[in-house]
Amino acid sequence: METVAYKVLTSDQMGQLERDGSFAGAPIDLADGYVHLSTAAQLTETVDKHFAGQSDLWVAAVDLAAHGDAIRWEESRGGALFPHLYSVMVLDTVLAYGPLERAGDGSVQLPVAG
């Protein structure tokens, strides 16, 4: 399994994570009982499907190992396994983050640590 997954955040949500040091989740996360994450391979499709037409988005790279047993790989879209975080996302476990940007081919670029 992957060791890093990605969370797409609105600007307000990113501000909350920076300010509070943790993020309990977007409304859909709170409703489902876990924070939705995507692998690098799943990220562009997630953005295209769930964030179409939105701007001012951020991408955070999350260290899955740091969350231990709170990470569960569960079947979701098209039967693919997605990482779900059954805990709050803590800023200390975020390896890198930055504004959502697209590469020339339209794919979402992964954030790079300083």
C-alpha atoms as a PDB file:
ATOM      1  CA  MET A   1       0.000   0.000   0.000  1.00  0.00           C
ATOM      2  CA  GLU A   2       0.962   3.628  -0.477  1.00  0.00           C
ATOM      3  CA  THR A   3       2.640   5.527   2.363  1.00  0.00           C
ATOM      4  CA  VAL A   4       1.418   8.990   1.300  1.00  0.00           C
ATOM      5  CA  ALA A   5      -2.106  10.071   0.390  1.00  0.00           C
ATOM      6  CA  TYR A   6      -3.591  13.423  -0.556  1.00  0.00           C
ATOM      7  CA  LYS A   7      -6.398  15.577   0.779  1.00  0.00           C
ATOM      8  CA  VAL A   8      -7.995  18.315  -1.280  1.00  0.00           C
ATOM      9  CA  LEU A   9      -8.928  21.315   0.853  1.00  0.00           C
ATOM     10  CA  THR A  10     -10.644  24.609   0.257  1.00  0.00           C
ATOM     11  CA  SER A  11      -8.717  27.738   1.178  1.00  0.00           C
ATOM     12  CA  ASP A  12     -10.797  28.079   4.369  1.00  0.00           C
ATOM     13  CA  GLN A  13     -10.122  24.455   5.327  1.00  0.00           C
ATOM     14  CA  MET A  14      -6.396  24.886   4.700  1.00  0.00           C
ATOM     15  CA  GLY A  15      -6.440  27.993   6.888  1.00  0.00           C
ATOM     16  CA  GLN A  16      -8.157  26.012   9.637  1.00  0.00           C
ATOM     17  CA  LEU A  17      -5.521  23.260   9.418  1.00  0.00           C
ATOM     18  CA  GLU A  18      -2.712  25.818   9.652  1.00  0.00           C
ATOM     19  CA  ARG A  19      -4.379  27.808  12.446  1.00  0.00           C
ATOM     20  CA  ASP A  20      -5.634  24.925  14.607  1.00  0.00           C
ATOM     21  CA  GLY A  21      -3.036  22.303  13.745  1.00  0.00           C
ATOM     22  CA  SER A  22      -5.774  19.820  12.873  1.00  0.00           C
ATOM     23  CA  PHE A  23      -8.704  19.332  10.538  1.00  0.00           C
ATOM     24  CA  ALA A  24     -11.701  17.167  11.430  1.00  0.00           C
ATOM     25  CA  GLY A  25     -12.952  17.064   7.857  1.00  0.00           C
ATOM     26  CA  ALA A  26     -15.093  18.651   5.188  1.00  0.00           C
ATOM     27  CA  PRO A  27     -18.879  18.289   5.461  1.00  0.00           C
ATOM     28  CA  ILE A  28     -18.792  15.035   3.430  1.00  0.00           C
ATOM     29  CA  ASP A  29     -16.047  13.663   5.697  1.00  0.00           C
ATOM     30  CA  LEU A  30     -18.020  14.486   8.821  1.00  0.00           C
ATOM     31  CA  ALA A  31     -21.160  12.896   7.342  1.00  0.00           C
ATOM     32  CA  ASP A  32     -19.298   9.711   6.359  1.00  0.00           C
ATOM     33  CA  GLY A  33     -17.326   9.452   9.613  1.00  0.00           C
ATOM     34  CA  TYR A  34     -13.846   9.615   8.096  1.00  0.00           C
ATOM     35  CA  VAL A  35     -11.572  11.943   6.146  1.00  0.00           C
ATOM     36  CA  HIS A  36     -11.516  11.030   2.451  1.00  0.00           C
ATOM     37  CA  LEU A  37      -8.021  10.749   0.993  1.00  0.00           C
ATOM     38  CA  SER A  38      -6.724   9.765  -2.450  1.00  0.00           C
ATOM     39  CA  THR A  39      -3.529   8.175  -3.692  1.00  0.00           C
ATOM     40  CA  ALA A  40      -1.415  10.055  -6.201  1.00  0.00           C
ATOM     41  CA  ALA A  41      -2.955   7.951  -8.982  1.00  0.00           C
ATOM     42  CA  GLN A  42      -6.504   8.751  -7.793  1.00  0.00           C
ATOM     43  CA  LEU A  43      -6.029  12.467  -7.102  1.00  0.00           C
ATOM     44  CA  THR A  44      -6.808  13.981 -10.513  1.00  0.00           C
ATOM     45  CA  GLU A  45     -10.006  11.954 -10.887  1.00  0.00           C
ATOM     46  CA  THR A  46     -11.052  12.942  -7.348  1.00  0.00           C
ATOM     47  CA  VAL A  47     -10.536  16.632  -8.123  1.00  0.00           C
ATOM     48  CA  ASP A  48     -12.327  16.366 -11.468  1.00  0.00           C
ATOM     49  CA  LYS A  49     -15.287  14.517  -9.966  1.00  0.00           C
ATOM     50  CA  HIS A  50     -15.759  16.222  -6.598  1.00  0.00           C
ATOM     51  CA  PHE A  51     -14.250  19.698  -7.059  1.00  0.00           C
ATOM     52  CA  ALA A  52     -15.126  20.544 -10.683  1.00  0.00           C
ATOM     53  CA  GLY A  53     -15.413  24.273 -11.266  1.00  0.00           C
ATOM     54  CA  GLN A  54     -13.994  25.185  -7.851  1.00  0.00           C
ATOM     55  CA  SER A  55     -10.969  27.398  -7.508  1.00  0.00           C
ATOM     56  CA  ASP A  56      -8.720  28.330  -4.612  1.00  0.00           C
ATOM     57  CA  LEU A  57      -8.120  24.683  -3.687  1.00  0.00           C
ATOM     58  CA  TRP A  58      -5.143  23.216  -1.876  1.00  0.00           C
ATOM     59  CA  VAL A  59      -3.570  19.760  -1.823  1.00  0.00           C
ATOM     60  CA  ALA A  60      -1.993  18.306   1.309  1.00  0.00           C
ATOM     61  CA  ALA A  61       0.297  15.254   1.276  1.00  0.00           C
ATOM     62  CA  VAL A  62      -0.478  13.141   4.350  1.00  0.00           C
ATOM     63  CA  ASP A  63       1.926  10.639   5.934  1.00  0.00           C
ATOM     64  CA  LEU A  64      -0.257   7.554   6.300  1.00  0.00           C
ATOM     65  CA  ALA A  65       2.140   5.704   8.608  1.00  0.00           C
ATOM     66  CA  ALA A  66       1.915   8.549  11.122  1.00  0.00           C
ATOM     67  CA  HIS A  67      -1.807   7.823  11.466  1.00  0.00           C
ATOM     68  CA  GLY A  68      -1.289   4.105  12.106  1.00  0.00           C
ATOM     69  CA  ASP A  69      -4.471   2.097  12.583  1.00  0.00           C
ATOM     70  CA  ALA A  70      -6.641   5.160  11.914  1.00  0.00           C
ATOM     71  CA  ILE A  71      -6.049   4.546   8.172  1.00  0.00           C
ATOM     72  CA  ARG A  72      -8.269   1.980   6.488  1.00  0.00           C
ATOM     73  CA  TRP A  73      -8.116   1.040   2.819  1.00  0.00           C
ATOM     74  CA  GLU A  74     -11.704   0.657   1.693  1.00  0.00           C
ATOM     75  CA  GLU A  75     -13.448   0.014  -1.583  1.00  0.00           C
ATOM     76  CA  SER A  76     -14.946   3.071  -3.192  1.00  0.00           C
ATOM     77  CA  ARG A  77     -15.270   4.524  -6.693  1.00  0.00           C
ATOM     78  CA  GLY A  78     -15.162   1.746  -9.288  1.00  0.00           C
ATOM     79  CA  GLY A  79     -14.113  -0.830  -6.701  1.00  0.00           C
ATOM     80  CA  ALA A  80     -10.740   0.846  -6.128  1.00  0.00           C
ATOM     81  CA  LEU A  81      -9.267   0.922  -2.633  1.00  0.00           C
ATOM     82  CA  PHE A  82      -9.056   4.414  -1.156  1.00  0.00           C
ATOM     83  CA  PRO A  83      -7.332   5.465   2.075  1.00  0.00           C
ATOM     84  CA  HIS A  84      -9.798   6.707   4.688  1.00  0.00           C
ATOM     85  CA  LEU A  85      -8.640   8.446   7.863  1.00  0.00           C
ATOM     86  CA  TYR A  86     -10.772   7.578  10.892  1.00  0.00           C
ATOM     87  CA  SER A  87      -9.340  10.414  12.966  1.00  0.00           C
ATOM     88  CA  VAL A  88      -8.621  14.097  12.592  1.00  0.00           C
ATOM     89  CA  MET A  89      -5.917  15.110  10.146  1.00  0.00           C
ATOM     90  CA  VAL A  90      -3.046  16.634  12.099  1.00  0.00           C
ATOM     91  CA  LEU A  91      -0.770  19.271  10.578  1.00  0.00           C
ATOM     92  CA  ASP A  92       2.288  17.473  11.993  1.00  0.00           C
ATOM     93  CA  THR A  93       1.490  14.519   9.694  1.00  0.00           C
ATOM     94  CA  VAL A  94       1.293  16.693   6.564  1.00  0.00           C
ATOM     95  CA  LEU A  95       4.507  16.260   4.598  1.00  0.00           C
ATOM     96  CA  ALA A  96       3.841  19.060   2.102  1.00  0.00           C
ATOM     97  CA  TYR A  97       1.005  21.255   0.902  1.00  0.00           C
ATOM     98  CA  GLY A  98       0.363  23.888  -1.668  1.00  0.00           C
ATOM     99  CA  PRO A  99      -2.205  25.412  -3.985  1.00  0.00           C
ATOM    100  CA  LEU A 100      -3.757  22.965  -6.421  1.00  0.00           C
ATOM    101  CA  GLU A 101      -2.007  23.296  -9.759  1.00  0.00           C
ATOM    102  CA  ARG A 102      -2.327  21.333 -12.973  1.00  0.00           C
ATOM    103  CA  ALA A 103       0.407  20.008 -15.229  1.00  0.00           C
ATOM    104  CA  GLY A 104       0.280  20.548 -18.989  1.00  0.00           C
ATOM    105  CA  ASP A 105      -1.610  17.256 -19.425  1.00  0.00           C
ATOM    106  CA  GLY A 106      -4.306  18.360 -16.950  1.00  0.00           C
ATOM    107  CA  SER A 107      -3.198  16.119 -14.103  1.00  0.00           C
ATOM    108  CA  VAL A 108      -2.999  17.547 -10.586  1.00  0.00           C
ATOM    109  CA  GLN A 109       0.563  18.289  -9.539  1.00  0.00           C
ATOM    110  CA  LEU A 110       1.614  16.869  -6.196  1.00  0.00           C
ATOM    111  CA  PRO A 111       2.802  19.321  -3.535  1.00  0.00           C
ATOM    112  CA  VAL A 112       6.534  19.465  -2.899  1.00  0.00           C
ATOM    113  CA  ALA A 113       8.048  20.070   0.540  1.00  0.00           C
ATOM    114  CA  GLY A 114      10.184  23.197   0.907  1.00  0.00           C
END
